[in-house]
Amino acid sequence: METLTFKTSINCGGCVARVTPALESLKGIARWNVDTGNPDKILSVQTDGITEEEIIQKVQESGFKIERIVG
């Protein structure tokens, strides 16, 4: 299992609620979390076979900016 991290524009509980159905619909995500207290609004995703492109697409479809953090 790999953990992918992303900088996002998901900045409040309402935003998390808006993106939840999209992320929950994806197969291959074991767990995910958004740290809205972090200035970069970090989305951490524990993967179980999903690609970063699939995650990025779903978050963007939900109306949020997202950028992979490498490292």
N, C-alpha and C. Protein backbone atom coordinates (compact mmCIF):
# COMPACT_ATOMS: atom_id res chain seq x y z
N MET A 1 0.85 -1.18 0.00
CA MET A 1 0.00 0.00 0.00
C MET A 1 0.89 1.24 0.00
N GLU A 2 0.52 2.21 -0.81
CA GLU A 2 1.27 3.44 -0.96
C GLU A 2 0.42 4.61 -0.49
N THR A 3 1.07 5.63 0.08
CA THR A 3 0.35 6.84 0.46
C THR A 3 0.74 7.96 -0.50
N LEU A 4 -0.27 8.53 -1.16
CA LEU A 4 -0.06 9.66 -2.05
C LEU A 4 -0.53 10.92 -1.35
N THR A 5 0.20 12.02 -1.53
CA THR A 5 -0.20 13.29 -0.91
C THR A 5 -0.37 14.35 -2.00
N PHE A 6 -1.35 15.22 -1.76
CA PHE A 6 -1.70 16.25 -2.72
C PHE A 6 -1.96 17.56 -2.00
N LYS A 7 -1.58 18.66 -2.63
CA LYS A 7 -1.96 20.00 -2.18
C LYS A 7 -3.29 20.29 -2.85
N THR A 8 -4.28 20.75 -2.08
CA THR A 8 -5.63 20.95 -2.64
C THR A 8 -6.21 22.30 -2.22
N SER A 9 -7.39 22.56 -2.74
CA SER A 9 -8.16 23.75 -2.31
C SER A 9 -9.37 23.32 -1.47
N ILE A 10 -9.31 22.11 -0.90
CA ILE A 10 -10.37 21.60 -0.02
C ILE A 10 -10.11 22.20 1.36
N ASN A 11 -10.84 23.27 1.71
CA ASN A 11 -10.42 24.03 2.89
C ASN A 11 -11.37 24.07 4.07
N CYS A 12 -12.48 23.32 4.02
CA CYS A 12 -13.39 23.34 5.17
C CYS A 12 -14.21 22.06 5.22
N GLY A 13 -14.97 21.89 6.26
CA GLY A 13 -15.80 20.70 6.42
C GLY A 13 -16.82 20.56 5.29
N GLY A 14 -17.35 21.68 4.82
CA GLY A 14 -18.30 21.64 3.71
C GLY A 14 -17.64 21.14 2.43
N CYS A 15 -16.40 21.56 2.22
CA CYS A 15 -15.64 21.10 1.05
C CYS A 15 -15.36 19.60 1.15
N VAL A 16 -14.99 19.16 2.34
CA VAL A 16 -14.73 17.73 2.56
C VAL A 16 -16.01 16.94 2.26
N ALA A 17 -17.15 17.46 2.73
CA ALA A 17 -18.42 16.78 2.48
C ALA A 17 -18.73 16.73 0.99
N ARG A 18 -18.34 17.77 0.26
CA ARG A 18 -18.61 17.82 -1.18
C ARG A 18 -17.74 16.83 -1.96
N VAL A 19 -16.50 16.60 -1.52
CA VAL A 19 -15.59 15.71 -2.23
C VAL A 19 -15.73 14.25 -1.77
N THR A 20 -16.33 14.04 -0.61
CA THR A 20 -16.45 12.68 -0.05
C THR A 20 -17.12 11.70 -1.01
N PRO A 21 -18.28 11.99 -1.59
CA PRO A 21 -18.90 11.00 -2.49
C PRO A 21 -18.00 10.62 -3.67
N ALA A 22 -17.26 11.59 -4.19
CA ALA A 22 -16.38 11.31 -5.33
C ALA A 22 -15.25 10.36 -4.93
N LEU A 23 -14.62 10.65 -3.79
CA LEU A 23 -13.51 9.79 -3.36
C LEU A 23 -14.00 8.42 -2.89
N GLU A 24 -15.16 8.40 -2.24
CA GLU A 24 -15.70 7.12 -1.77
C GLU A 24 -16.14 6.23 -2.93
N SER A 25 -16.43 6.82 -4.07
CA SER A 25 -16.87 6.03 -5.23
C SER A 25 -15.72 5.33 -5.94
N LEU A 26 -14.50 5.76 -5.65
CA LEU A 26 -13.33 5.19 -6.32
C LEU A 26 -12.92 3.86 -5.68
N LYS A 27 -12.73 2.87 -6.51
CA LYS A 27 -12.18 1.60 -6.03
C LYS A 27 -10.67 1.77 -5.98
N GLY A 28 -10.05 1.19 -4.97
CA GLY A 28 -8.60 1.28 -4.87
C GLY A 28 -8.10 2.29 -3.85
N ILE A 29 -9.03 2.89 -3.09
CA ILE A 29 -8.63 3.78 -2.00
C ILE A 29 -8.93 3.06 -0.69
N ALA A 30 -7.89 2.83 0.10
CA ALA A 30 -8.08 2.17 1.39
C ALA A 30 -8.57 3.18 2.43
N ARG A 31 -7.94 4.36 2.43
CA ARG A 31 -8.29 5.43 3.37
C ARG A 31 -7.85 6.76 2.81
N TRP A 32 -8.53 7.82 3.20
CA TRP A 32 -8.11 9.15 2.79
C TRP A 32 -8.45 10.15 3.87
N ASN A 33 -7.74 11.28 3.86
CA ASN A 33 -7.94 12.31 4.86
C ASN A 33 -7.47 13.65 4.29
N VAL A 34 -8.17 14.73 4.65
CA VAL A 34 -7.74 16.07 4.28
C VAL A 34 -7.40 16.83 5.55
N ASP A 35 -6.18 17.37 5.61
CA ASP A 35 -5.75 18.18 6.75
C ASP A 35 -6.08 19.64 6.43
N THR A 36 -7.30 20.06 6.80
CA THR A 36 -7.73 21.42 6.51
C THR A 36 -7.03 22.45 7.39
N GLY A 37 -6.35 22.00 8.45
CA GLY A 37 -5.60 22.91 9.30
C GLY A 37 -4.24 23.28 8.71
N ASN A 38 -3.78 22.51 7.75
CA ASN A 38 -2.52 22.77 7.07
C ASN A 38 -2.76 23.86 6.01
N PRO A 39 -1.87 24.84 5.90
CA PRO A 39 -2.07 25.90 4.89
C PRO A 39 -2.19 25.36 3.46
N ASP A 40 -1.60 24.20 3.19
CA ASP A 40 -1.66 23.61 1.85
C ASP A 40 -2.82 22.65 1.68
N LYS A 41 -3.67 22.50 2.73
CA LYS A 41 -4.87 21.63 2.66
C LYS A 41 -4.51 20.25 2.08
N ILE A 42 -3.66 19.53 2.79
CA ILE A 42 -3.08 18.28 2.30
C ILE A 42 -4.09 17.13 2.32
N LEU A 43 -4.27 16.53 1.14
CA LEU A 43 -5.07 15.32 0.98
C LEU A 43 -4.10 14.15 0.96
N SER A 44 -4.27 13.22 1.90
CA SER A 44 -3.46 12.00 1.95
C SER A 44 -4.36 10.83 1.59
N VAL A 45 -3.88 10.00 0.65
CA VAL A 45 -4.67 8.87 0.18
C VAL A 45 -3.83 7.61 0.29
N GLN A 46 -4.33 6.63 1.06
CA GLN A 46 -3.68 5.32 1.10
C GLN A 46 -4.29 4.51 -0.03
N THR A 47 -3.44 4.17 -1.00
CA THR A 47 -3.94 3.52 -2.20
C THR A 47 -3.93 2.00 -2.06
N ASP A 48 -4.83 1.42 -2.79
CA ASP A 48 -4.91 -0.04 -2.90
C ASP A 48 -5.19 -0.36 -4.37
N GLY A 49 -4.34 0.21 -5.25
CA GLY A 49 -4.45 -0.07 -6.66
C GLY A 49 -4.92 1.08 -7.53
N ILE A 50 -5.20 2.24 -6.95
CA ILE A 50 -5.66 3.38 -7.74
C ILE A 50 -4.47 4.24 -8.16
N THR A 51 -4.62 4.95 -9.27
CA THR A 51 -3.53 5.81 -9.74
C THR A 51 -3.75 7.24 -9.28
N GLU A 52 -2.67 8.01 -9.26
CA GLU A 52 -2.79 9.41 -8.86
C GLU A 52 -3.64 10.19 -9.87
N GLU A 53 -3.59 9.80 -11.14
CA GLU A 53 -4.39 10.48 -12.16
C GLU A 53 -5.89 10.32 -11.89
N GLU A 54 -6.30 9.14 -11.44
CA GLU A 54 -7.72 8.90 -11.14
C GLU A 54 -8.18 9.78 -9.97
N ILE A 55 -7.32 9.89 -8.96
CA ILE A 55 -7.65 10.73 -7.80
C ILE A 55 -7.75 12.19 -8.22
N ILE A 56 -6.77 12.65 -8.97
CA ILE A 56 -6.76 14.05 -9.43
C ILE A 56 -8.02 14.35 -10.24
N GLN A 57 -8.38 13.47 -11.14
CA GLN A 57 -9.56 13.68 -11.98
C GLN A 57 -10.83 13.81 -11.14
N LYS A 58 -11.02 12.92 -10.16
CA LYS A 58 -12.23 12.96 -9.33
C LYS A 58 -12.30 14.22 -8.50
N VAL A 59 -11.17 14.63 -7.93
CA VAL A 59 -11.16 15.84 -7.10
C VAL A 59 -11.45 17.07 -7.98
N GLN A 60 -10.87 17.12 -9.18
CA GLN A 60 -11.13 18.23 -10.08
C GLN A 60 -12.59 18.24 -10.53
N GLU A 61 -13.16 17.07 -10.78
CA GLU A 61 -14.58 16.99 -11.16
C GLU A 61 -15.48 17.52 -10.05
N SER A 62 -15.00 17.45 -8.81
CA SER A 62 -15.77 17.95 -7.66
C SER A 62 -15.60 19.46 -7.48
N GLY A 63 -14.76 20.07 -8.32
CA GLY A 63 -14.61 21.52 -8.29
C GLY A 63 -13.43 22.05 -7.50
N PHE A 64 -12.46 21.20 -7.20
CA PHE A 64 -11.32 21.62 -6.39
C PHE A 64 -10.03 21.54 -7.18
N LYS A 65 -9.08 22.38 -6.78
CA LYS A 65 -7.73 22.32 -7.33
C LYS A 65 -6.97 21.24 -6.59
N ILE A 66 -6.09 20.54 -7.30
CA ILE A 66 -5.30 19.49 -6.68
C ILE A 66 -3.98 19.36 -7.43
N GLU A 67 -2.92 19.16 -6.65
CA GLU A 67 -1.58 19.05 -7.22
C GLU A 67 -0.80 18.03 -6.41
N ARG A 68 -0.18 17.08 -7.07
CA ARG A 68 0.58 16.02 -6.38
C ARG A 68 1.80 16.60 -5.70
N ILE A 69 2.07 16.16 -4.49
CA ILE A 69 3.28 16.51 -3.77
C ILE A 69 4.21 15.30 -3.89
N VAL A 70 5.35 15.51 -4.49
CA VAL A 70 6.31 14.41 -4.70
C VAL A 70 7.40 14.54 -3.65
N GLY A 71 7.70 13.38 -3.05
CA GLY A 71 8.79 13.40 -2.08
C GLY A 71 8.47 12.86 -0.76
